[in-house]
Amino acid sequence: MSKYQIPFLTACIQAFGRRFSMSRQAAFRYLHEHKGLAFLIEFYDVEHLQSMDETIDDVLIICQKNGGTLA
């Protein structure tokens, strides 16, 4: 993991939490449980080039495919 991925993941967790009115801890647990964090790590090279809104949209789709119920 590069030194740039951690700040990116932190920003994504915070943005996801804001969008869905969740605490950072709840957002982290949700993203971890539904494979959103794994997706962000695996596809960092593409996702960090998009806007945060587009990144959250992408991770939401992945979470929904892995049993997440947020929409």
C-alpha atoms as a PDB file:
ATOM      1  CA  MET A   1       0.000   0.000   0.000  1.00  0.00           C
ATOM      2  CA  SER A   2       1.425   3.389  -0.955  1.00  0.00           C
ATOM      3  CA  LYS A   3       1.628   6.310   1.437  1.00  0.00           C
ATOM      4  CA  TYR A   4      -1.058   8.039  -0.647  1.00  0.00           C
ATOM      5  CA  GLN A   5      -3.651   5.299  -0.270  1.00  0.00           C
ATOM      6  CA  ILE A   6      -4.255   5.814   3.452  1.00  0.00           C
ATOM      7  CA  PRO A   7      -5.302   9.482   3.130  1.00  0.00           C
ATOM      8  CA  PHE A   8      -7.438   8.518   0.109  1.00  0.00           C
ATOM      9  CA  LEU A   9      -9.179   5.731   2.044  1.00  0.00           C
ATOM     10  CA  THR A  10      -9.723   8.040   5.007  1.00  0.00           C
ATOM     11  CA  ALA A  11     -11.291  10.678   2.756  1.00  0.00           C
ATOM     12  CA  CYS A  12     -13.520   8.044   1.124  1.00  0.00           C
ATOM     13  CA  ILE A  13     -14.711   6.735   4.488  1.00  0.00           C
ATOM     14  CA  GLN A  14     -15.510  10.264   5.642  1.00  0.00           C
ATOM     15  CA  ALA A  15     -17.320  11.136   2.398  1.00  0.00           C
ATOM     16  CA  PHE A  16     -19.296   7.886   2.490  1.00  0.00           C
ATOM     17  CA  GLY A  17     -20.291   8.576   6.085  1.00  0.00           C
ATOM     18  CA  ARG A  18     -21.388  12.126   5.250  1.00  0.00           C
ATOM     19  CA  ARG A  19     -23.468  10.983   2.285  1.00  0.00           C
ATOM     20  CA  PHE A  20     -25.341   8.420   4.375  1.00  0.00           C
ATOM     21  CA  SER A  21     -25.346  10.288   7.711  1.00  0.00           C
ATOM     22  CA  MET A  22     -23.129   7.703   9.381  1.00  0.00           C
ATOM     23  CA  SER A  23     -20.277   8.081  11.818  1.00  0.00           C
ATOM     24  CA  ARG A  24     -16.815   7.363  10.471  1.00  0.00           C
ATOM     25  CA  GLN A  25     -16.742   4.165  12.504  1.00  0.00           C
ATOM     26  CA  ALA A  26     -20.077   2.983  11.078  1.00  0.00           C
ATOM     27  CA  ALA A  27     -19.004   3.892   7.550  1.00  0.00           C
ATOM     28  CA  PHE A  28     -15.736   1.966   8.000  1.00  0.00           C
ATOM     29  CA  ARG A  29     -17.566  -1.113   9.297  1.00  0.00           C
ATOM     30  CA  TYR A  30     -20.085  -0.996   6.446  1.00  0.00           C
ATOM     31  CA  LEU A  31     -17.408  -0.583   3.774  1.00  0.00           C
ATOM     32  CA  HIS A  32     -15.272  -3.320   5.296  1.00  0.00           C
ATOM     33  CA  GLU A  33     -18.169  -5.764   5.661  1.00  0.00           C
ATOM     34  CA  HIS A  34     -19.439  -5.239   2.111  1.00  0.00           C
ATOM     35  CA  LYS A  35     -16.019  -5.264   0.381  1.00  0.00           C
ATOM     36  CA  GLY A  36     -15.967  -1.536  -0.395  1.00  0.00           C
ATOM     37  CA  LEU A  37     -12.571  -0.977   1.189  1.00  0.00           C
ATOM     38  CA  ALA A  38     -11.067  -3.929  -0.663  1.00  0.00           C
ATOM     39  CA  PHE A  39     -12.412  -2.449  -3.897  1.00  0.00           C
ATOM     40  CA  LEU A  40     -10.895   0.957  -3.141  1.00  0.00           C
ATOM     41  CA  ILE A  41      -7.520  -0.615  -2.385  1.00  0.00           C
ATOM     42  CA  GLU A  42      -7.523  -2.852  -5.442  1.00  0.00           C
ATOM     43  CA  PHE A  43      -8.626  -0.131  -7.847  1.00  0.00           C
ATOM     44  CA  TYR A  44      -6.880   2.832  -6.230  1.00  0.00           C
ATOM     45  CA  ASP A  45      -5.032   3.587  -9.451  1.00  0.00           C
ATOM     46  CA  VAL A  46      -8.348   4.378 -11.194  1.00  0.00           C
ATOM     47  CA  GLU A  47     -10.559   5.550  -8.334  1.00  0.00           C
ATOM     48  CA  HIS A  48      -8.254   8.251  -6.982  1.00  0.00           C
ATOM     49  CA  LEU A  49      -8.411  10.026 -10.357  1.00  0.00           C
ATOM     50  CA  GLN A  50     -12.205  10.436 -10.216  1.00  0.00           C
ATOM     51  CA  SER A  51     -14.238  12.938  -8.261  1.00  0.00           C
ATOM     52  CA  MET A  52     -15.152  11.884  -4.739  1.00  0.00           C
ATOM     53  CA  ASP A  53     -18.829  11.676  -5.738  1.00  0.00           C
ATOM     54  CA  GLU A  54     -18.005   9.262  -8.561  1.00  0.00           C
ATOM     55  CA  THR A  55     -15.814   7.193  -6.258  1.00  0.00           C
ATOM     56  CA  ILE A  56     -18.575   6.948  -3.637  1.00  0.00           C
ATOM     57  CA  ASP A  57     -21.060   5.985  -6.367  1.00  0.00           C
ATOM     58  CA  ASP A  58     -18.702   3.196  -7.494  1.00  0.00           C
ATOM     59  CA  VAL A  59     -18.074   1.866  -4.004  1.00  0.00           C
ATOM     60  CA  LEU A  60     -21.804   1.948  -3.265  1.00  0.00           C
ATOM     61  CA  ILE A  61     -22.458  -0.317  -6.258  1.00  0.00           C
ATOM     62  CA  ILE A  62     -19.796  -2.759  -5.023  1.00  0.00           C
ATOM     63  CA  CYS A  63     -21.286  -2.775  -1.529  1.00  0.00           C
ATOM     64  CA  GLN A  64     -24.778  -3.400  -2.913  1.00  0.00           C
ATOM     65  CA  LYS A  65     -23.443  -6.356  -4.944  1.00  0.00           C
ATOM     66  CA  ASN A  66     -21.984  -7.753  -1.714  1.00  0.00           C
ATOM     67  CA  GLY A  67     -25.164  -7.524   0.368  1.00  0.00           C
ATOM     68  CA  GLY A  68     -25.198  -3.845   1.316  1.00  0.00           C
ATOM     69  CA  THR A  69     -28.622  -2.270   1.625  1.00  0.00           C
ATOM     70  CA  LEU A  70     -27.831   1.450   1.353  1.00  0.00           C
ATOM     71  CA  ALA A  71     -29.072   3.190  -1.766  1.00  0.00           C
END
